[in-house]
Amino acid sequence: MNLSPTEIYKGRKVFFLGGTGFLGKVTVCMLLHRFPDVGKIYLMVRAPSKTESEARFWNNIITSPVFRSVT
């Protein structure tokens, strides 16, 4: 049996903890770059409220230079 990470992640949902840190951002970016057929990635972003979580996602994660190669 040949295990292929590309086939394993194809269409899968991934729940990711720690995506706001440096290593987390790099890992998520590599996951998106190397496995573009991944179904969905859910990132857990901790903050006191939902509004602050969303703001942290858009301001700290998506705008990170590491994601420029993916967009």
PDB file of N, CA and C in Angstrom:
ATOM      1  N   MET A   1       0.844  -1.178   0.000  1.00  0.00           N
ATOM      2  CA  MET A   1       0.000   0.000   0.000  1.00  0.00           C
ATOM      3  C   MET A   1       0.893   1.245   0.000  1.00  0.00           C
ATOM      4  N   ASN A   2       0.652   2.144  -0.916  1.00  0.00           N
ATOM      5  CA  ASN A   2       1.424   3.370  -1.045  1.00  0.00           C
ATOM      6  C   ASN A   2       0.639   4.528  -0.427  1.00  0.00           C
ATOM      7  N   LEU A   3       1.190   5.131   0.625  1.00  0.00           N
ATOM      8  CA  LEU A   3       0.534   6.264   1.271  1.00  0.00           C
ATOM      9  C   LEU A   3       0.978   7.560   0.597  1.00  0.00           C
ATOM     10  N   SER A   4       0.014   8.333   0.150  1.00  0.00           N
ATOM     11  CA  SER A   4       0.295   9.601  -0.513  1.00  0.00           C
ATOM     12  C   SER A   4      -0.349  10.734   0.288  1.00  0.00           C
ATOM     13  N   PRO A   5       0.462  11.660   0.843  1.00  0.00           N
ATOM     14  CA  PRO A   5      -0.119  12.785   1.577  1.00  0.00           C
ATOM     15  C   PRO A   5      -1.094  13.596   0.720  1.00  0.00           C
ATOM     16  N   THR A   6      -0.819  13.701  -0.559  1.00  0.00           N
ATOM     17  CA  THR A   6      -1.726  14.432  -1.445  1.00  0.00           C
ATOM     18  C   THR A   6      -3.102  13.788  -1.460  1.00  0.00           C
ATOM     19  N   GLU A   7      -3.147  12.475  -1.523  1.00  0.00           N
ATOM     20  CA  GLU A   7      -4.428  11.767  -1.510  1.00  0.00           C
ATOM     21  C   GLU A   7      -5.068  11.784  -0.126  1.00  0.00           C
ATOM     22  N   ILE A   8      -4.253  11.739   0.913  1.00  0.00           N
ATOM     23  CA  ILE A   8      -4.786  11.747   2.279  1.00  0.00           C
ATOM     24  C   ILE A   8      -5.501  13.057   2.571  1.00  0.00           C
ATOM     25  N   TYR A   9      -4.920  14.199   2.165  1.00  0.00           N
ATOM     26  CA  TYR A   9      -5.511  15.504   2.454  1.00  0.00           C
ATOM     27  C   TYR A   9      -6.585  15.930   1.455  1.00  0.00           C
ATOM     28  N   LYS A  10      -6.692  15.251   0.347  1.00  0.00           N
ATOM     29  CA  LYS A  10      -7.643  15.641  -0.695  1.00  0.00           C
ATOM     30  C   LYS A  10      -9.076  15.594  -0.157  1.00  0.00           C
ATOM     31  N   GLY A  11      -9.723  16.760  -0.156  1.00  0.00           N
ATOM     32  CA  GLY A  11     -11.108  16.875   0.284  1.00  0.00           C
ATOM     33  C   GLY A  11     -11.316  16.777   1.787  1.00  0.00           C
ATOM     34  N   ARG A  12     -10.247  16.660   2.559  1.00  0.00           N
ATOM     35  CA  ARG A  12     -10.353  16.498   4.014  1.00  0.00           C
ATOM     36  C   ARG A  12     -10.522  17.833   4.718  1.00  0.00           C
ATOM     37  N   LYS A  13     -11.094  17.763   5.912  1.00  0.00           N
ATOM     38  CA  LYS A  13     -11.200  18.919   6.789  1.00  0.00           C
ATOM     39  C   LYS A  13     -10.104  18.799   7.837  1.00  0.00           C
ATOM     40  N   VAL A  14      -9.399  19.914   8.068  1.00  0.00           N
ATOM     41  CA  VAL A  14      -8.298  19.922   9.027  1.00  0.00           C
ATOM     42  C   VAL A  14      -8.600  20.976  10.092  1.00  0.00           C
ATOM     43  N   PHE A  15      -8.528  20.580  11.353  1.00  0.00           N
ATOM     44  CA  PHE A  15      -8.702  21.504  12.471  1.00  0.00           C
ATOM     45  C   PHE A  15      -7.322  21.808  13.008  1.00  0.00           C
ATOM     46  N   PHE A  16      -6.942  23.086  13.017  1.00  0.00           N
ATOM     47  CA  PHE A  16      -5.581  23.474  13.355  1.00  0.00           C
ATOM     48  C   PHE A  16      -5.573  24.385  14.573  1.00  0.00           C
ATOM     49  N   LEU A  17      -4.806  24.006  15.584  1.00  0.00           N
ATOM     50  CA  LEU A  17      -4.604  24.829  16.778  1.00  0.00           C
ATOM     51  C   LEU A  17      -3.263  25.536  16.665  1.00  0.00           C
ATOM     52  N   GLY A  18      -3.197  26.768  17.119  1.00  0.00           N
ATOM     53  CA  GLY A  18      -1.922  27.484  17.124  1.00  0.00           C
ATOM     54  C   GLY A  18      -1.574  28.142  15.807  1.00  0.00           C
ATOM     55  N   GLY A  19      -2.566  28.467  15.007  1.00  0.00           N
ATOM     56  CA  GLY A  19      -2.308  29.066  13.700  1.00  0.00           C
ATOM     57  C   GLY A  19      -1.907  30.521  13.735  1.00  0.00           C
ATOM     58  N   THR A  20      -1.991  31.178  14.898  1.00  0.00           N
ATOM     59  CA  THR A  20      -1.635  32.596  14.961  1.00  0.00           C
ATOM     60  C   THR A  20      -0.159  32.818  15.254  1.00  0.00           C
ATOM     61  N   GLY A  21       0.540  31.797  15.719  1.00  0.00           N
ATOM     62  CA  GLY A  21       1.970  31.923  15.996  1.00  0.00           C
ATOM     63  C   GLY A  21       2.801  31.770  14.735  1.00  0.00           C
ATOM     64  N   PHE A  22       4.083  32.042  14.848  1.00  0.00           N
ATOM     65  CA  PHE A  22       4.978  31.977  13.696  1.00  0.00           C
ATOM     66  C   PHE A  22       4.969  30.597  13.050  1.00  0.00           C
ATOM     67  N   LEU A  23       5.199  29.558  13.847  1.00  0.00           N
ATOM     68  CA  LEU A  23       5.232  28.202  13.286  1.00  0.00           C
ATOM     69  C   LEU A  23       3.870  27.789  12.742  1.00  0.00           C
ATOM     70  N   GLY A  24       2.811  28.223  13.406  1.00  0.00           N
ATOM     71  CA  GLY A  24       1.470  27.900  12.935  1.00  0.00           C
ATOM     72  C   GLY A  24       1.192  28.497  11.569  1.00  0.00           C
ATOM     73  N   LYS A  25       1.550  29.754  11.386  1.00  0.00           N
ATOM     74  CA  LYS A  25       1.341  30.419  10.091  1.00  0.00           C
ATOM     75  C   LYS A  25       2.122  29.718   8.987  1.00  0.00           C
ATOM     76  N   VAL A  26       3.362  29.377   9.277  1.00  0.00           N
ATOM     77  CA  VAL A  26       4.195  28.700   8.277  1.00  0.00           C
ATOM     78  C   VAL A  26       3.613  27.323   7.955  1.00  0.00           C
ATOM     79  N   THR A  27       3.166  26.599   8.972  1.00  0.00           N
ATOM     80  CA  THR A  27       2.595  25.270   8.755  1.00  0.00           C
ATOM     81  C   THR A  27       1.324  25.334   7.922  1.00  0.00           C
ATOM     82  N   VAL A  28       0.439  26.263   8.237  1.00  0.00           N
ATOM     83  CA  VAL A  28      -0.809  26.408   7.468  1.00  0.00           C
ATOM     84  C   VAL A  28      -0.498  26.802   6.027  1.00  0.00           C
ATOM     85  N   CYS A  29       0.437  27.706   5.855  1.00  0.00           N
ATOM     86  CA  CYS A  29       0.817  28.129   4.502  1.00  0.00           C
ATOM     87  C   CYS A  29       1.376  26.952   3.703  1.00  0.00           C
ATOM     88  N   MET A  30       2.236  26.159   4.343  1.00  0.00           N
ATOM     89  CA  MET A  30       2.803  24.992   3.653  1.00  0.00           C
ATOM     90  C   MET A  30       1.716  23.977   3.324  1.00  0.00           C
ATOM     91  N   LEU A  31       0.768  23.798   4.214  1.00  0.00           N
ATOM     92  CA  LEU A  31      -0.344  22.880   3.967  1.00  0.00           C
ATOM     93  C   LEU A  31      -1.148  23.332   2.748  1.00  0.00           C
ATOM     94  N   LEU A  32      -1.447  24.624   2.684  1.00  0.00           N
ATOM     95  CA  LEU A  32      -2.202  25.149   1.538  1.00  0.00           C
ATOM     96  C   LEU A  32      -1.400  25.073   0.240  1.00  0.00           C
ATOM     97  N   HIS A  33      -0.120  25.338   0.331  1.00  0.00           N
ATOM     98  CA  HIS A  33       0.726  25.350  -0.866  1.00  0.00           C
ATOM     99  C   HIS A  33       0.969  23.939  -1.406  1.00  0.00           C
ATOM    100  N   ARG A  34       1.262  23.005  -0.515  1.00  0.00           N
ATOM    101  CA  ARG A  34       1.611  21.649  -0.944  1.00  0.00           C
ATOM    102  C   ARG A  34       0.408  20.749  -1.203  1.00  0.00           C
ATOM    103  N   PHE A  35      -0.714  21.072  -0.560  1.00  0.00           N
ATOM    104  CA  PHE A  35      -1.918  20.246  -0.706  1.00  0.00           C
ATOM    105  C   PHE A  35      -3.108  21.142  -1.062  1.00  0.00           C
ATOM    106  N   PRO A  36      -3.137  21.689  -2.262  1.00  0.00           N
ATOM    107  CA  PRO A  36      -4.195  22.639  -2.640  1.00  0.00           C
ATOM    108  C   PRO A  36      -5.591  22.023  -2.686  1.00  0.00           C
ATOM    109  N   ASP A  37      -5.685  20.699  -2.699  1.00  0.00           N
ATOM    110  CA  ASP A  37      -6.994  20.053  -2.755  1.00  0.00           C
ATOM    111  C   ASP A  37      -7.573  19.753  -1.377  1.00  0.00           C
ATOM    112  N   VAL A  38      -6.928  20.279  -0.310  1.00  0.00           N
ATOM    113  CA  VAL A  38      -7.480  20.075   1.024  1.00  0.00           C
ATOM    114  C   VAL A  38      -8.886  20.689   1.061  1.00  0.00           C
ATOM    115  N   GLY A  39      -9.826  19.999   1.713  1.00  0.00           N
ATOM    116  CA  GLY A  39     -11.210  20.461   1.723  1.00  0.00           C
ATOM    117  C   GLY A  39     -11.379  21.794   2.424  1.00  0.00           C
ATOM    118  N   LYS A  40     -11.135  21.818   3.727  1.00  0.00           N
ATOM    119  CA  LYS A  40     -11.243  23.044   4.517  1.00  0.00           C
ATOM    120  C   LYS A  40     -10.223  22.994   5.636  1.00  0.00           C
ATOM    121  N   ILE A  41      -9.768  24.177   6.036  1.00  0.00           N
ATOM    122  CA  ILE A  41      -8.903  24.287   7.198  1.00  0.00           C
ATOM    123  C   ILE A  41      -9.606  25.180   8.202  1.00  0.00           C
ATOM    124  N   TYR A  42      -9.788  24.665   9.396  1.00  0.00           N
ATOM    125  CA  TYR A  42     -10.383  25.428  10.482  1.00  0.00           C
ATOM    126  C   TYR A  42      -9.258  25.837  11.426  1.00  0.00           C
ATOM    127  N   LEU A  43      -9.132  27.153  11.672  1.00  0.00           N
ATOM    128  CA  LEU A  43      -8.123  27.654  12.592  1.00  0.00           C
ATOM    129  C   LEU A  43      -8.795  28.112  13.875  1.00  0.00           C
ATOM    130  N   MET A  44      -8.255  27.701  14.990  1.00  0.00           N
ATOM    131  CA  MET A  44      -8.764  28.175  16.265  1.00  0.00           C
ATOM    132  C   MET A  44      -7.992  29.427  16.640  1.00  0.00           C
ATOM    133  N   VAL A  45      -8.717  30.535  16.781  1.00  0.00           N
ATOM    134  CA  VAL A  45      -8.114  31.817  17.136  1.00  0.00           C
ATOM    135  C   VAL A  45      -8.705  32.249  18.477  1.00  0.00           C
ATOM    136  N   ARG A  46      -7.870  32.289  19.499  1.00  0.00           N
ATOM    137  CA  ARG A  46      -8.358  32.653  20.822  1.00  0.00           C
ATOM    138  C   ARG A  46      -8.370  34.166  21.001  1.00  0.00           C
ATOM    139  N   ALA A  47      -9.447  34.644  21.579  1.00  0.00           N
ATOM    140  CA  ALA A  47      -9.605  36.053  21.927  1.00  0.00           C
ATOM    141  C   ALA A  47     -10.820  36.150  22.847  1.00  0.00           C
ATOM    142  N   PRO A  48     -10.949  37.270  23.571  1.00  0.00           N
ATOM    143  CA  PRO A  48     -12.063  37.410  24.512  1.00  0.00           C
ATOM    144  C   PRO A  48     -13.462  37.359  23.882  1.00  0.00           C
ATOM    145  N   SER A  49     -13.589  37.732  22.607  1.00  0.00           N
ATOM    146  CA  SER A  49     -14.908  37.718  21.967  1.00  0.00           C
ATOM    147  C   SER A  49     -14.787  37.283  20.516  1.00  0.00           C
ATOM    148  N   LYS A  50     -15.943  36.947  19.920  1.00  0.00           N
ATOM    149  CA  LYS A  50     -15.958  36.525  18.517  1.00  0.00           C
ATOM    150  C   LYS A  50     -15.446  37.638  17.606  1.00  0.00           C
ATOM    151  N   THR A  51     -15.867  38.860  17.891  1.00  0.00           N
ATOM    152  CA  THR A  51     -15.435  40.000  17.072  1.00  0.00           C
ATOM    153  C   THR A  51     -13.918  40.155  17.127  1.00  0.00           C
ATOM    154  N   GLU A  52     -13.351  40.024  18.308  1.00  0.00           N
ATOM    155  CA  GLU A  52     -11.901  40.153  18.436  1.00  0.00           C
ATOM    156  C   GLU A  52     -11.172  38.973  17.791  1.00  0.00           C
ATOM    157  N   SER A  53     -11.780  37.800  17.830  1.00  0.00           N
ATOM    158  CA  SER A  53     -11.181  36.641  17.150  1.00  0.00           C
ATOM    159  C   SER A  53     -11.122  36.868  15.650  1.00  0.00           C
ATOM    160  N   GLU A  54     -12.224  37.350  15.090  1.00  0.00           N
ATOM    161  CA  GLU A  54     -12.249  37.623  13.645  1.00  0.00           C
ATOM    162  C   GLU A  54     -11.254  38.707  13.278  1.00  0.00           C
ATOM    163  N   ALA A  55     -11.179  39.755  14.088  1.00  0.00           N
ATOM    164  CA  ALA A  55     -10.227  40.836  13.816  1.00  0.00           C
ATOM    165  C   ALA A  55      -8.800  40.312  13.886  1.00  0.00           C
ATOM    166  N   ARG A  56      -8.517  39.465  14.860  1.00  0.00           N
ATOM    167  CA  ARG A  56      -7.176  38.890  14.984  1.00  0.00           C
ATOM    168  C   ARG A  56      -6.840  38.021  13.776  1.00  0.00           C
ATOM    169  N   PHE A  57      -7.821  37.260  13.288  1.00  0.00           N
ATOM    170  CA  PHE A  57      -7.606  36.431  12.100  1.00  0.00           C
ATOM    171  C   PHE A  57      -7.247  37.298  10.900  1.00  0.00           C
ATOM    172  N   TRP A  58      -8.071  38.312  10.620  1.00  0.00           N
ATOM    173  CA  TRP A  58      -7.854  39.144   9.433  1.00  0.00           C
ATOM    174  C   TRP A  58      -6.628  40.040   9.563  1.00  0.00           C
ATOM    175  N   ASN A  59      -6.331  40.510  10.769  1.00  0.00           N
ATOM    176  CA  ASN A  59      -5.213  41.439  10.941  1.00  0.00           C
ATOM    177  C   ASN A  59      -3.870  40.754  11.173  1.00  0.00           C
ATOM    178  N   ASN A  60      -3.874  39.586  11.799  1.00  0.00           N
ATOM    179  CA  ASN A  60      -2.606  38.953  12.157  1.00  0.00           C
ATOM    180  C   ASN A  60      -2.243  37.745  11.308  1.00  0.00           C
ATOM    181  N   ILE A  61      -3.222  37.046  10.798  1.00  0.00           N
ATOM    182  CA  ILE A  61      -2.921  35.814  10.066  1.00  0.00           C
ATOM    183  C   ILE A  61      -2.912  36.060   8.563  1.00  0.00           C
ATOM    184  N   ILE A  62      -4.026  36.483   8.029  1.00  0.00           N
ATOM    185  CA  ILE A  62      -4.144  36.649   6.575  1.00  0.00           C
ATOM    186  C   ILE A  62      -3.164  37.682   6.030  1.00  0.00           C
ATOM    187  N   THR A  63      -2.888  38.726   6.781  1.00  0.00           N
ATOM    188  CA  THR A  63      -1.973  39.770   6.294  1.00  0.00           C
ATOM    189  C   THR A  63      -0.507  39.421   6.500  1.00  0.00           C
ATOM    190  N   SER A  64      -0.229  38.272   7.091  1.00  0.00           N
ATOM    191  CA  SER A  64       1.153  37.854   7.319  1.00  0.00           C
ATOM    192  C   SER A  64       1.884  37.651   5.982  1.00  0.00           C
ATOM    193  N   PRO A  65       3.134  38.083   5.891  1.00  0.00           N
ATOM    194  CA  PRO A  65       3.889  37.922   4.639  1.00  0.00           C
ATOM    195  C   PRO A  65       3.992  36.478   4.153  1.00  0.00           C
ATOM    196  N   VAL A  66       3.902  35.526   5.063  1.00  0.00           N
ATOM    197  CA  VAL A  66       4.034  34.116   4.662  1.00  0.00           C
ATOM    198  C   VAL A  66       2.920  33.691   3.707  1.00  0.00           C
ATOM    199  N   PHE A  67       1.751  34.330   3.775  1.00  0.00           N
ATOM    200  CA  PHE A  67       0.624  33.957   2.928  1.00  0.00           C
ATOM    201  C   PHE A  67       0.636  34.634   1.549  1.00  0.00           C
ATOM    202  N   ARG A  68       1.571  35.483   1.289  1.00  0.00           N
ATOM    203  CA  ARG A  68       1.630  36.148  -0.028  1.00  0.00           C
ATOM    204  C   ARG A  68       1.829  35.149  -1.162  1.00  0.00           C
ATOM    205  N   SER A  69       2.536  34.062  -0.880  1.00  0.00           N
ATOM    206  CA  SER A  69       2.790  33.066  -1.923  1.00  0.00           C
ATOM    207  C   SER A  69       1.553  32.213  -2.222  1.00  0.00           C
ATOM    208  N   VAL A  70       0.584  32.196  -1.303  1.00  0.00           N
ATOM    209  CA  VAL A  70      -0.615  31.376  -1.483  1.00  0.00           C
ATOM    210  C   VAL A  70      -1.710  32.145  -2.205  1.00  0.00           C
ATOM    211  N   THR A  71      -1.831  33.431  -1.929  1.00  0.00           N
ATOM    212  CA  THR A  71      -2.917  34.231  -2.512  1.00  0.00           C
ATOM    213  C   THR A  71      -2.640  34.646  -3.915  1.00  0.00           C
TER     214      THR A  71
END
